[in-house]
Amino acid sequence: MRVAVVGCGGAGAQHIRAYQGLADVTLVGVCDVDTGRARRQAEATGARAYGDTAAMLAAEKPELVSVCTAEYGHVEVAIQALRAGCHVFCEKPMAHSVEMAERMVETAQEVGRVLGVDYNYRHIPVFHTLWEEIDRGSFGDVLLVNITAHAFCYHHSIDLIRFLFGQVVEVCASINDLQSQRNYAWHSPDAFLYVPSLAAATIFRMRSGAAVVLTASRLRDLGDTMLDLEVIGTRMRVALRSLPVSDVRPRQVEAWPRSLDGTTRFGLDADGSSFSLGDSFRASITAFVRALQAGEPVPTDGSAGLDVLRVEQAVVQAYRLGTTVRLLG
């Protein structure tokens, strides 16, 4: 599979490393508005460097393009690559508005290409284990979920909520906001939070009836934990705490009933090897490529990314209006 990466910053470097680790994938092009940065990646990988996406698509004809530009640049590059006949794997958030995300999904459908969004937290082993336990009914009915996250992990946390607990039907929110620190300006009804400027507290009611409480702040320490998560069900309760970016296995695990060996199932003892945030990028990208090659549904397609943005839009609307916003009937 011939692949190319647009955007050679931090996320782009993660994608490049992941593709280099796949024996049946050839990285043919890297592109960045900073041509020096593209050249450095090209020299290190053997790919060719470009400063213009259209030129790279025309010359290299990749089958798959990773879109790793700054967030506001995702839409144009993704649609350009889709219309050139490429599958696209886009960094999150997929677009800067719900309307633009809808255009991306519609374009992928129109041209018959696959659009995916890199929600790599789903590929962190402890969260996949948690999903398996919920899916097999170990928790019984999930009643209450508490998530406390660093602000940079807020957007990912919403996707994890959907992945683990299903559809969100109602949202209410309180946000401590500082306009100068917003990652996204709130100019339209499509506005969304992405990274809370100071702190946010949100309650989600799920279709299942569970309540999920998500709090996030920039004042937390990513070196201490990306997020802490507690799931309370009628049969089991598990709390996972202290997941630093260097090794995202929980240092602290609490479980009920006490006979449950939660540390073995969810904690450091679950796997002797470490698993960093970078490893989750590699796992997510590998899963996307393997699904494409097998002709199977990809783990997180454009519709999944669009749904996250719709939930985020509801969060901002709930805060602005001071009320509960309903997403589904």
C-alpha atoms as a PDB file:
ATOM      1  CA  MET A   1       0.000   0.000   0.000  1.00  0.00           C
ATOM      2  CA  ARG A   2       1.376   3.393  -1.030  1.00  0.00           C
ATOM      3  CA  VAL A   3       0.812   5.994   1.694  1.00  0.00           C
ATOM      4  CA  ALA A   4       1.549   9.676   2.187  1.00  0.00           C
ATOM      5  CA  VAL A   5       1.404  11.999   5.172  1.00  0.00           C
ATOM      6  CA  VAL A   6       0.338  15.648   5.042  1.00  0.00           C
ATOM      7  CA  GLY A   7       1.583  17.569   8.074  1.00  0.00           C
ATOM      8  CA  CYS A   8       4.947  16.654   9.579  1.00  0.00           C
ATOM      9  CA  GLY A   9       4.510  17.977  13.122  1.00  0.00           C
ATOM     10  CA  GLY A  10       4.035  15.870  16.243  1.00  0.00           C
ATOM     11  CA  ALA A  11       1.031  13.860  15.033  1.00  0.00           C
ATOM     12  CA  GLY A  12       2.503  13.499  11.545  1.00  0.00           C
ATOM     13  CA  ALA A  13       5.712  12.085  12.996  1.00  0.00           C
ATOM     14  CA  GLN A  14       3.645   9.476  14.864  1.00  0.00           C
ATOM     15  CA  HIS A  15       1.922   8.438  11.625  1.00  0.00           C
ATOM     16  CA  ILE A  16       5.215   8.277   9.749  1.00  0.00           C
ATOM     17  CA  ARG A  17       6.771   6.014  12.403  1.00  0.00           C
ATOM     18  CA  ALA A  18       3.714   3.762  12.366  1.00  0.00           C
ATOM     19  CA  TYR A  19       3.765   3.349   8.584  1.00  0.00           C
ATOM     20  CA  GLN A  20       7.481   2.617   8.617  1.00  0.00           C
ATOM     21  CA  GLY A  21       6.789  -0.251  10.991  1.00  0.00           C
ATOM     22  CA  LEU A  22       4.427  -1.974   8.524  1.00  0.00           C
ATOM     23  CA  ALA A  23       6.276  -4.285   6.143  1.00  0.00           C
ATOM     24  CA  ASP A  24       3.636  -4.136   3.398  1.00  0.00           C
ATOM     25  CA  VAL A  25       3.305  -0.343   3.404  1.00  0.00           C
ATOM     26  CA  THR A  26       5.524   2.109   1.495  1.00  0.00           C
ATOM     27  CA  LEU A  27       5.706   5.735   2.574  1.00  0.00           C
ATOM     28  CA  VAL A  28       6.014   7.544  -0.760  1.00  0.00           C
ATOM     29  CA  GLY A  29       5.504  11.192   0.182  1.00  0.00           C
ATOM     30  CA  VAL A  30       5.538  13.651   3.078  1.00  0.00           C
ATOM     31  CA  CYS A  31       4.116  17.149   2.761  1.00  0.00           C
ATOM     32  CA  ASP A  32       4.224  20.249   4.955  1.00  0.00           C
ATOM     33  CA  VAL A  33       3.890  24.000   4.454  1.00  0.00           C
ATOM     34  CA  ASP A  34       7.224  24.092   6.289  1.00  0.00           C
ATOM     35  CA  THR A  35       9.254  22.518   3.483  1.00  0.00           C
ATOM     36  CA  GLY A  36      12.310  22.192   5.689  1.00  0.00           C
ATOM     37  CA  ARG A  37      10.359  20.013   8.101  1.00  0.00           C
ATOM     38  CA  ALA A  38       9.108  17.892   5.185  1.00  0.00           C
ATOM     39  CA  ARG A  39      12.648  17.506   3.860  1.00  0.00           C
ATOM     40  CA  ARG A  40      13.930  16.333   7.229  1.00  0.00           C
ATOM     41  CA  GLN A  41      11.258  13.643   7.373  1.00  0.00           C
ATOM     42  CA  ALA A  42      11.985  12.668   3.765  1.00  0.00           C
ATOM     43  CA  GLU A  43      15.697  12.298   4.453  1.00  0.00           C
ATOM     44  CA  ALA A  44      14.969  10.107   7.456  1.00  0.00           C
ATOM     45  CA  THR A  45      12.457   7.842   5.691  1.00  0.00           C
ATOM     46  CA  GLY A  46      13.354   7.710   2.007  1.00  0.00           C
ATOM     47  CA  ALA A  47      10.054   9.312   1.008  1.00  0.00           C
ATOM     48  CA  ARG A  48       9.891  12.396  -1.215  1.00  0.00           C
ATOM     49  CA  ALA A  49       9.233  15.825   0.283  1.00  0.00           C
ATOM     50  CA  TYR A  50       6.573  18.256  -0.913  1.00  0.00           C
ATOM     51  CA  GLY A  51       5.299  21.671   0.082  1.00  0.00           C
ATOM     52  CA  ASP A  52       2.045  21.343  -1.857  1.00  0.00           C
ATOM     53  CA  THR A  53      -0.544  18.602  -1.353  1.00  0.00           C
ATOM     54  CA  ALA A  54      -1.896  18.668  -4.918  1.00  0.00           C
ATOM     55  CA  ALA A  55       1.598  18.227  -6.358  1.00  0.00           C
ATOM     56  CA  MET A  56       2.272  15.279  -4.068  1.00  0.00           C
ATOM     57  CA  LEU A  57      -1.029  13.571  -4.906  1.00  0.00           C
ATOM     58  CA  ALA A  58      -0.425  13.984  -8.636  1.00  0.00           C
ATOM     59  CA  ALA A  59       3.160  12.746  -8.533  1.00  0.00           C
ATOM     60  CA  GLU A  60       2.957   9.918  -5.991  1.00  0.00           C
ATOM     61  CA  LYS A  61      -0.620   8.651  -6.440  1.00  0.00           C
ATOM     62  CA  PRO A  62      -0.897   7.263  -2.898  1.00  0.00           C
ATOM     63  CA  GLU A  63      -3.692   4.874  -1.968  1.00  0.00           C
ATOM     64  CA  LEU A  64      -3.906   6.224   1.576  1.00  0.00           C
ATOM     65  CA  VAL A  65      -3.241   9.712   2.953  1.00  0.00           C
ATOM     66  CA  SER A  66      -2.879  10.634   6.621  1.00  0.00           C
ATOM     67  CA  VAL A  67      -4.074  14.179   7.327  1.00  0.00           C
ATOM     68  CA  CYS A  68      -2.025  15.556  10.238  1.00  0.00           C
ATOM     69  CA  THR A  69      -2.100  19.304   9.571  1.00  0.00           C
ATOM     70  CA  ALA A  70      -3.202  21.869  12.134  1.00  0.00           C
ATOM     71  CA  GLU A  71      -6.838  21.216  13.008  1.00  0.00           C
ATOM     72  CA  TYR A  72      -8.288  24.009  10.859  1.00  0.00           C
ATOM     73  CA  GLY A  73      -6.534  22.568   7.815  1.00  0.00           C
ATOM     74  CA  HIS A  74      -8.043  19.072   7.949  1.00  0.00           C
ATOM     75  CA  VAL A  75     -11.100  19.625   5.771  1.00  0.00           C
ATOM     76  CA  GLU A  76      -9.464  21.019   2.639  1.00  0.00           C
ATOM     77  CA  VAL A  77      -6.657  18.444   2.593  1.00  0.00           C
ATOM     78  CA  ALA A  78      -8.960  15.499   3.344  1.00  0.00           C
ATOM     79  CA  ILE A  79     -11.442  16.398   0.602  1.00  0.00           C
ATOM     80  CA  GLN A  80      -8.593  17.020  -1.838  1.00  0.00           C
ATOM     81  CA  ALA A  81      -7.145  13.561  -1.117  1.00  0.00           C
ATOM     82  CA  LEU A  82     -10.545  11.844  -1.297  1.00  0.00           C
ATOM     83  CA  ARG A  83     -11.287  13.413  -4.678  1.00  0.00           C
ATOM     84  CA  ALA A  84      -7.868  12.234  -5.871  1.00  0.00           C
ATOM     85  CA  GLY A  85      -9.010   8.670  -5.176  1.00  0.00           C
ATOM     86  CA  CYS A  86      -7.244   8.140  -1.845  1.00  0.00           C
ATOM     87  CA  HIS A  87      -8.523   6.684   1.381  1.00  0.00           C
ATOM     88  CA  VAL A  88      -7.998   9.176   4.228  1.00  0.00           C
ATOM     89  CA  PHE A  89      -7.041   8.745   7.862  1.00  0.00           C
ATOM     90  CA  CYS A  90      -7.571  12.088   9.589  1.00  0.00           C
ATOM     91  CA  GLU A  91      -6.357  13.351  12.925  1.00  0.00           C
ATOM     92  CA  LYS A  92      -8.893  14.547  15.443  1.00  0.00           C
ATOM     93  CA  PRO A  93     -10.994  16.638  15.520  1.00  0.00           C
ATOM     94  CA  MET A  94     -11.778  15.797  11.913  1.00  0.00           C
ATOM     95  CA  ALA A  95     -13.115  19.285  11.151  1.00  0.00           C
ATOM     96  CA  HIS A  96     -13.568  22.730  12.675  1.00  0.00           C
ATOM     97  CA  SER A  97     -17.368  22.569  12.457  1.00  0.00           C
ATOM     98  CA  VAL A  98     -20.125  20.009  12.224  1.00  0.00           C
ATOM     99  CA  GLU A  99     -21.058  21.316   8.772  1.00  0.00           C
ATOM    100  CA  MET A 100     -17.508  20.776   7.472  1.00  0.00           C
ATOM    101  CA  ALA A 101     -17.391  17.280   8.984  1.00  0.00           C
ATOM    102  CA  GLU A 102     -20.634  16.459   7.182  1.00  0.00           C
ATOM    103  CA  ARG A 103     -19.035  17.598   3.911  1.00  0.00           C
ATOM    104  CA  MET A 104     -16.092  15.273   4.496  1.00  0.00           C
ATOM    105  CA  VAL A 105     -18.370  12.287   5.163  1.00  0.00           C
ATOM    106  CA  GLU A 106     -20.523  13.103   2.123  1.00  0.00           C
ATOM    107  CA  THR A 107     -17.436  13.423  -0.094  1.00  0.00           C
ATOM    108  CA  ALA A 108     -16.106  10.026   1.015  1.00  0.00           C
ATOM    109  CA  GLN A 109     -19.465   8.444   0.220  1.00  0.00           C
ATOM    110  CA  GLU A 110     -19.662  10.223  -3.126  1.00  0.00           C
ATOM    111  CA  VAL A 111     -16.232   9.043  -4.322  1.00  0.00           C
ATOM    112  CA  GLY A 112     -16.415   5.587  -2.736  1.00  0.00           C
ATOM    113  CA  ARG A 113     -13.348   6.012  -0.522  1.00  0.00           C
ATOM    114  CA  VAL A 114     -12.894   5.284   3.193  1.00  0.00           C
ATOM    115  CA  LEU A 115     -12.588   8.175   5.637  1.00  0.00           C
ATOM    116  CA  GLY A 116     -11.299   7.343   9.102  1.00  0.00           C
ATOM    117  CA  VAL A 117     -10.545   9.403  12.219  1.00  0.00           C
ATOM    118  CA  ASP A 118      -7.638   8.615  14.524  1.00  0.00           C
ATOM    119  CA  TYR A 119      -9.226   8.047  17.931  1.00  0.00           C
ATOM    120  CA  ASN A 120      -6.165   6.239  19.211  1.00  0.00           C
ATOM    121  CA  TYR A 121      -7.307   6.046  22.863  1.00  0.00           C
ATOM    122  CA  ARG A 122      -9.606   3.193  21.839  1.00  0.00           C
ATOM    123  CA  HIS A 123      -6.438   1.193  21.194  1.00  0.00           C
ATOM    124  CA  ILE A 124      -4.960   1.671  24.667  1.00  0.00           C
ATOM    125  CA  PRO A 125      -5.139  -1.881  26.090  1.00  0.00           C
ATOM    126  CA  VAL A 126      -6.821  -1.017  29.397  1.00  0.00           C
ATOM    127  CA  PHE A 127      -9.714   0.713  27.608  1.00  0.00           C
ATOM    128  CA  HIS A 128     -10.135  -2.185  25.207  1.00  0.00           C
ATOM    129  CA  THR A 129     -10.180  -4.578  28.176  1.00  0.00           C
ATOM    130  CA  LEU A 130     -12.792  -2.386  29.832  1.00  0.00           C
ATOM    131  CA  TRP A 131     -14.902  -2.487  26.647  1.00  0.00           C
ATOM    132  CA  GLU A 132     -14.673  -6.293  26.603  1.00  0.00           C
ATOM    133  CA  GLU A 133     -15.810  -6.528  30.232  1.00  0.00           C
ATOM    134  CA  ILE A 134     -18.748  -4.189  29.616  1.00  0.00           C
ATOM    135  CA  ASP A 135     -19.684  -6.023  26.420  1.00  0.00           C
ATOM    136  CA  ARG A 136     -19.736  -9.439  28.118  1.00  0.00           C
ATOM    137  CA  GLY A 137     -21.916  -8.077  30.937  1.00  0.00           C
ATOM    138  CA  SER A 138     -19.380  -8.242  33.765  1.00  0.00           C
ATOM    139  CA  PHE A 139     -20.584  -4.897  35.127  1.00  0.00           C
ATOM    140  CA  GLY A 140     -24.279  -5.766  34.863  1.00  0.00           C
ATOM    141  CA  ASP A 141     -26.161  -2.546  34.160  1.00  0.00           C
ATOM    142  CA  VAL A 142     -23.744   0.403  34.072  1.00  0.00           C
ATOM    143  CA  LEU A 143     -25.316   3.108  36.230  1.00  0.00           C
ATOM    144  CA  LEU A 144     -22.682   5.785  36.748  1.00  0.00           C
ATOM    145  CA  VAL A 145     -19.349   6.700  35.158  1.00  0.00           C
ATOM    146  CA  ASN A 146     -16.917   9.334  36.461  1.00  0.00           C
ATOM    147  CA  ILE A 147     -14.071  10.588  34.261  1.00  0.00           C
ATOM    148  CA  THR A 148     -11.559  13.225  35.347  1.00  0.00           C
ATOM    149  CA  ALA A 149      -9.231  14.261  32.531  1.00  0.00           C
ATOM    150  CA  HIS A 150      -6.588  16.721  31.494  1.00  0.00           C
ATOM    151  CA  ALA A 151      -8.174  19.292  29.160  1.00  0.00           C
ATOM    152  CA  PHE A 152      -6.095  17.994  26.244  1.00  0.00           C
ATOM    153  CA  CYS A 153      -7.841  14.619  26.701  1.00  0.00           C
ATOM    154  CA  TYR A 154     -11.389  16.030  26.800  1.00  0.00           C
ATOM    155  CA  HIS A 155     -12.167  15.404  23.118  1.00  0.00           C
ATOM    156  CA  HIS A 156     -10.745  11.869  23.338  1.00  0.00           C
ATOM    157  CA  SER A 157     -12.817  11.248  26.457  1.00  0.00           C
ATOM    158  CA  ILE A 158     -16.033  11.965  24.573  1.00  0.00           C
ATOM    159  CA  ASP A 159     -15.098   9.356  21.984  1.00  0.00           C
ATOM    160  CA  LEU A 160     -14.243   6.892  24.781  1.00  0.00           C
ATOM    161  CA  ILE A 161     -17.658   7.540  26.325  1.00  0.00           C
ATOM    162  CA  ARG A 162     -19.345   6.647  23.033  1.00  0.00           C
ATOM    163  CA  PHE A 163     -17.056   3.640  22.485  1.00  0.00           C
ATOM    164  CA  LEU A 164     -17.612   2.198  25.959  1.00  0.00           C
ATOM    165  CA  PHE A 165     -21.159   3.228  26.822  1.00  0.00           C
ATOM    166  CA  GLY A 166     -23.054   3.868  23.590  1.00  0.00           C
ATOM    167  CA  GLN A 167     -25.077   6.810  22.368  1.00  0.00           C
ATOM    168  CA  VAL A 168     -25.366  10.145  24.174  1.00  0.00           C
ATOM    169  CA  VAL A 169     -28.945  11.429  24.327  1.00  0.00           C
ATOM    170  CA  GLU A 170     -28.711  14.477  26.617  1.00  0.00           C
ATOM    171  CA  VAL A 171     -25.995  16.909  27.686  1.00  0.00           C
ATOM    172  CA  CYS A 172     -25.699  19.621  30.324  1.00  0.00           C
ATOM    173  CA  ALA A 173     -22.506  21.540  31.024  1.00  0.00           C
ATOM    174  CA  SER A 174     -20.701  24.139  33.108  1.00  0.00           C
ATOM    175  CA  ILE A 175     -17.543  25.680  31.648  1.00  0.00           C
ATOM    176  CA  ASN A 176     -14.956  27.972  33.233  1.00  0.00           C
ATOM    177  CA  ASP A 177     -13.926  29.839  30.130  1.00  0.00           C
ATOM    178  CA  LEU A 178     -11.071  32.148  29.217  1.00  0.00           C
ATOM    179  CA  GLN A 179     -11.520  33.344  25.631  1.00  0.00           C
ATOM    180  CA  SER A 180      -7.820  34.007  25.047  1.00  0.00           C
ATOM    181  CA  GLN A 181      -7.025  30.330  25.741  1.00  0.00           C
ATOM    182  CA  ARG A 182      -9.706  28.755  23.546  1.00  0.00           C
ATOM    183  CA  ASN A 183      -8.386  26.411  20.882  1.00  0.00           C
ATOM    184  CA  TYR A 184     -11.533  27.148  18.876  1.00  0.00           C
ATOM    185  CA  ALA A 185     -13.376  30.465  18.711  1.00  0.00           C
ATOM    186  CA  TRP A 186     -17.111  30.331  19.390  1.00  0.00           C
ATOM    187  CA  HIS A 187     -18.552  32.220  16.442  1.00  0.00           C
ATOM    188  CA  SER A 188     -21.351  29.950  15.238  1.00  0.00           C
ATOM    189  CA  PRO A 189     -23.982  27.465  16.433  1.00  0.00           C
ATOM    190  CA  ASP A 190     -21.585  24.731  15.259  1.00  0.00           C
ATOM    191  CA  ALA A 191     -18.942  25.760  17.789  1.00  0.00           C
ATOM    192  CA  PHE A 192     -17.432  23.097  19.997  1.00  0.00           C
ATOM    193  CA  LEU A 193     -15.071  22.866  22.920  1.00  0.00           C
ATOM    194  CA  TYR A 194     -12.225  20.519  21.841  1.00  0.00           C
ATOM    195  CA  VAL A 195      -9.923  21.665  24.683  1.00  0.00           C
ATOM    196  CA  PRO A 196     -11.545  23.450  27.660  1.00  0.00           C
ATOM    197  CA  SER A 197      -9.857  26.820  28.025  1.00  0.00           C
ATOM    198  CA  LEU A 198      -9.680  26.389  31.821  1.00  0.00           C
ATOM    199  CA  ALA A 199     -12.093  23.726  33.037  1.00  0.00           C
ATOM    200  CA  ALA A 200     -15.355  22.036  32.142  1.00  0.00           C
ATOM    201  CA  ALA A 201     -17.852  19.780  33.874  1.00  0.00           C
ATOM    202  CA  THR A 202     -20.316  17.888  31.696  1.00  0.00           C
ATOM    203  CA  ILE A 203     -23.042  15.353  32.431  1.00  0.00           C
ATOM    204  CA  PHE A 204     -24.066  12.993  29.649  1.00  0.00           C
ATOM    205  CA  ARG A 205     -27.163  10.833  29.786  1.00  0.00           C
ATOM    206  CA  MET A 206     -26.718   7.722  27.683  1.00  0.00           C
ATOM    207  CA  ARG A 207     -29.379   5.850  25.728  1.00  0.00           C
ATOM    208  CA  SER A 208     -28.782   2.941  28.125  1.00  0.00           C
ATOM    209  CA  GLY A 209     -29.840   5.151  31.056  1.00  0.00           C
ATOM    210  CA  ALA A 210     -26.320   5.476  32.491  1.00  0.00           C
ATOM    211  CA  ALA A 211     -25.073   8.871  33.652  1.00  0.00           C
ATOM    212  CA  VAL A 212     -21.526   9.874  32.692  1.00  0.00           C
ATOM    213  CA  VAL A 213     -19.825  12.776  34.468  1.00  0.00           C
ATOM    214  CA  LEU A 214     -16.800  14.205  32.656  1.00  0.00           C
ATOM    215  CA  THR A 215     -14.649  16.896  34.249  1.00  0.00           C
ATOM    216  CA  ALA A 216     -11.522  18.300  32.630  1.00  0.00           C
ATOM    217  CA  SER A 217      -9.000  21.043  33.316  1.00  0.00           C
ATOM    218  CA  ARG A 218      -5.777  22.424  31.868  1.00  0.00           C
ATOM    219  CA  LEU A 219      -4.478  22.675  35.437  1.00  0.00           C
ATOM    220  CA  ARG A 220      -3.995  18.913  35.739  1.00  0.00           C
ATOM    221  CA  ASP A 221      -0.599  17.319  35.086  1.00  0.00           C
ATOM    222  CA  LEU A 222      -0.318  15.049  32.035  1.00  0.00           C
ATOM    223  CA  GLY A 223       2.776  13.488  33.573  1.00  0.00           C
ATOM    224  CA  ASP A 224       0.623  12.352  36.484  1.00  0.00           C
ATOM    225  CA  THR A 225      -2.405  11.131  34.531  1.00  0.00           C
ATOM    226  CA  MET A 226      -4.165  11.715  31.226  1.00  0.00           C
ATOM    227  CA  LEU A 227      -7.474  10.708  32.750  1.00  0.00           C
ATOM    228  CA  ASP A 228      -8.941   8.739  35.642  1.00  0.00           C
ATOM    229  CA  LEU A 229     -12.045   6.625  35.041  1.00  0.00           C
ATOM    230  CA  GLU A 230     -14.539   4.938  37.368  1.00  0.00           C
ATOM    231  CA  VAL A 231     -17.337   2.632  36.165  1.00  0.00           C
ATOM    232  CA  ILE A 232     -20.114   1.650  38.590  1.00  0.00           C
ATOM    233  CA  GLY A 233     -22.428  -1.164  37.598  1.00  0.00           C
ATOM    234  CA  THR A 234     -24.924  -3.375  39.377  1.00  0.00           C
ATOM    235  CA  ARG A 235     -22.419  -6.270  39.484  1.00  0.00           C
ATOM    236  CA  MET A 236     -19.004  -4.635  39.504  1.00  0.00           C
ATOM    237  CA  ARG A 237     -17.215  -1.341  40.187  1.00  0.00           C
ATOM    238  CA  VAL A 238     -13.774  -0.519  38.792  1.00  0.00           C
ATOM    239  CA  ALA A 239     -11.731   2.666  39.184  1.00  0.00           C
ATOM    240  CA  LEU A 240      -8.613   3.209  37.044  1.00  0.00           C
ATOM    241  CA  ARG A 241      -6.286   5.995  38.156  1.00  0.00           C
ATOM    242  CA  SER A 242      -2.894   7.455  37.295  1.00  0.00           C
ATOM    243  CA  LEU A 243      -2.344   6.790  33.572  1.00  0.00           C
ATOM    244  CA  PRO A 244       0.621   9.010  32.559  1.00  0.00           C
ATOM    245  CA  VAL A 245       1.431   9.543  28.883  1.00  0.00           C
ATOM    246  CA  SER A 246       4.728   7.682  29.231  1.00  0.00           C
ATOM    247  CA  ASP A 247       2.967   4.400  30.096  1.00  0.00           C
ATOM    248  CA  VAL A 248      -0.814   4.495  29.945  1.00  0.00           C
ATOM    249  CA  ARG A 249      -1.421   1.504  32.198  1.00  0.00           C
ATOM    250  CA  PRO A 250      -3.152   2.461  35.467  1.00  0.00           C
ATOM    251  CA  ARG A 251      -0.927   2.629  38.539  1.00  0.00           C
ATOM    252  CA  GLN A 252      -3.942   2.420  40.830  1.00  0.00           C
ATOM    253  CA  VAL A 253      -6.877   0.039  40.402  1.00  0.00           C
ATOM    254  CA  GLU A 254      -9.835  -0.222  42.755  1.00  0.00           C
ATOM    255  CA  ALA A 255     -12.368  -2.992  42.248  1.00  0.00           C
ATOM    256  CA  TRP A 256     -15.538  -4.283  43.877  1.00  0.00           C
ATOM    257  CA  PRO A 257     -16.399  -6.952  44.860  1.00  0.00           C
ATOM    258  CA  ARG A 258     -13.135  -7.281  46.753  1.00  0.00           C
ATOM    259  CA  SER A 259     -12.699 -10.836  45.489  1.00  0.00           C
ATOM    260  CA  LEU A 260     -12.100  -9.369  42.004  1.00  0.00           C
ATOM    261  CA  ASP A 261      -8.401  -9.104  41.158  1.00  0.00           C
ATOM    262  CA  GLY A 262      -8.692  -5.773  39.382  1.00  0.00           C
ATOM    263  CA  THR A 263      -4.947  -5.139  39.249  1.00  0.00           C
ATOM    264  CA  THR A 264      -4.293  -8.323  37.290  1.00  0.00           C
ATOM    265  CA  ARG A 265      -7.164  -7.624  34.914  1.00  0.00           C
ATOM    266  CA  PHE A 266      -6.705  -3.884  34.384  1.00  0.00           C
ATOM    267  CA  GLY A 267      -3.451  -2.678  35.941  1.00  0.00           C
ATOM    268  CA  LEU A 268       0.278  -2.868  35.453  1.00  0.00           C
ATOM    269  CA  ASP A 269       0.304  -6.616  36.004  1.00  0.00           C
ATOM    270  CA  ALA A 270      -2.074  -7.165  33.076  1.00  0.00           C
ATOM    271  CA  ASP A 271       0.863  -7.036  30.667  1.00  0.00           C
ATOM    272  CA  GLY A 272       4.520  -6.929  31.562  1.00  0.00           C
ATOM    273  CA  SER A 273       5.419  -4.498  28.766  1.00  0.00           C
ATOM    274  CA  SER A 274       4.862  -0.758  28.915  1.00  0.00           C
ATOM    275  CA  PHE A 275       2.435   0.995  26.540  1.00  0.00           C
ATOM    276  CA  SER A 276       2.997   4.667  25.774  1.00  0.00           C
ATOM    277  CA  LEU A 277       0.707   7.164  24.095  1.00  0.00           C
ATOM    278  CA  GLY A 278       2.883   6.786  20.984  1.00  0.00           C
ATOM    279  CA  ASP A 279       2.143   3.052  21.006  1.00  0.00           C
ATOM    280  CA  SER A 280      -1.565   3.860  20.806  1.00  0.00           C
ATOM    281  CA  PHE A 281      -0.961   5.799  17.567  1.00  0.00           C
ATOM    282  CA  ARG A 282       0.828   2.808  16.078  1.00  0.00           C
ATOM    283  CA  ALA A 283      -1.936   0.441  17.169  1.00  0.00           C
ATOM    284  CA  SER A 284      -4.675   2.698  15.780  1.00  0.00           C
ATOM    285  CA  ILE A 285      -2.947   3.243  12.429  1.00  0.00           C
ATOM    286  CA  THR A 286      -2.138  -0.448  12.084  1.00  0.00           C
ATOM    287  CA  ALA A 287      -5.762  -1.390  12.778  1.00  0.00           C
ATOM    288  CA  PHE A 288      -6.973   1.102  10.160  1.00  0.00           C
ATOM    289  CA  VAL A 289      -4.568  -0.197   7.502  1.00  0.00           C
ATOM    290  CA  ARG A 290      -5.364  -3.848   8.235  1.00  0.00           C
ATOM    291  CA  ALA A 291      -9.106  -3.179   7.992  1.00  0.00           C
ATOM    292  CA  LEU A 292      -8.616  -1.444   4.628  1.00  0.00           C
ATOM    293  CA  GLN A 293      -6.538  -4.327   3.306  1.00  0.00           C
ATOM    294  CA  ALA A 294      -9.102  -6.878   4.442  1.00  0.00           C
ATOM    295  CA  GLY A 295     -12.051  -4.907   3.092  1.00  0.00           C
ATOM    296  CA  GLU A 296     -13.541  -4.712   6.591  1.00  0.00           C
ATOM    297  CA  PRO A 297     -15.117  -1.761   8.425  1.00  0.00           C
ATOM    298  CA  VAL A 298     -12.456   0.511   9.923  1.00  0.00           C
ATOM    299  CA  PRO A 299     -12.463   0.992  13.716  1.00  0.00           C
ATOM    300  CA  THR A 300     -13.458   4.685  13.631  1.00  0.00           C
ATOM    301  CA  ASP A 301     -14.871   6.016  10.379  1.00  0.00           C
ATOM    302  CA  GLY A 302     -15.927   9.534   9.450  1.00  0.00           C
ATOM    303  CA  SER A 303     -19.394   9.019  10.910  1.00  0.00           C
ATOM    304  CA  ALA A 304     -17.833   8.284  14.307  1.00  0.00           C
ATOM    305  CA  GLY A 305     -15.808  11.492  14.125  1.00  0.00           C
ATOM    306  CA  LEU A 306     -18.906  13.439  13.093  1.00  0.00           C
ATOM    307  CA  ASP A 307     -20.876  12.054  16.040  1.00  0.00           C
ATOM    308  CA  VAL A 308     -18.190  13.243  18.477  1.00  0.00           C
ATOM    309  CA  LEU A 309     -18.413  16.754  17.034  1.00  0.00           C
ATOM    310  CA  ARG A 310     -22.199  16.742  17.363  1.00  0.00           C
ATOM    311  CA  VAL A 311     -21.839  15.855  21.045  1.00  0.00           C
ATOM    312  CA  GLU A 312     -19.240  18.610  21.493  1.00  0.00           C
ATOM    313  CA  GLN A 313     -21.543  21.090  19.781  1.00  0.00           C
ATOM    314  CA  ALA A 314     -24.292  20.120  22.242  1.00  0.00           C
ATOM    315  CA  VAL A 315     -21.898  20.748  25.150  1.00  0.00           C
ATOM    316  CA  VAL A 316     -21.275  24.348  24.057  1.00  0.00           C
ATOM    317  CA  GLN A 317     -24.984  24.924  23.360  1.00  0.00           C
ATOM    318  CA  ALA A 318     -25.927  23.555  26.792  1.00  0.00           C
ATOM    319  CA  TYR A 319     -23.414  25.894  28.444  1.00  0.00           C
ATOM    320  CA  ARG A 320     -24.494  28.936  26.434  1.00  0.00           C
ATOM    321  CA  LEU A 321     -28.204  28.341  26.991  1.00  0.00           C
ATOM    322  CA  GLY A 322     -27.901  27.168  30.590  1.00  0.00           C
ATOM    323  CA  THR A 323     -30.105  24.163  29.876  1.00  0.00           C
ATOM    324  CA  THR A 324     -30.082  20.507  28.897  1.00  0.00           C
ATOM    325  CA  VAL A 325     -29.612  19.828  25.191  1.00  0.00           C
ATOM    326  CA  ARG A 326     -31.125  16.694  23.701  1.00  0.00           C
ATOM    327  CA  LEU A 327     -29.323  14.902  20.873  1.00  0.00           C
ATOM    328  CA  LEU A 328     -31.556  11.925  20.086  1.00  0.00           C
ATOM    329  CA  GLY A 329     -35.213  11.052  20.396  1.00  0.00           C
END
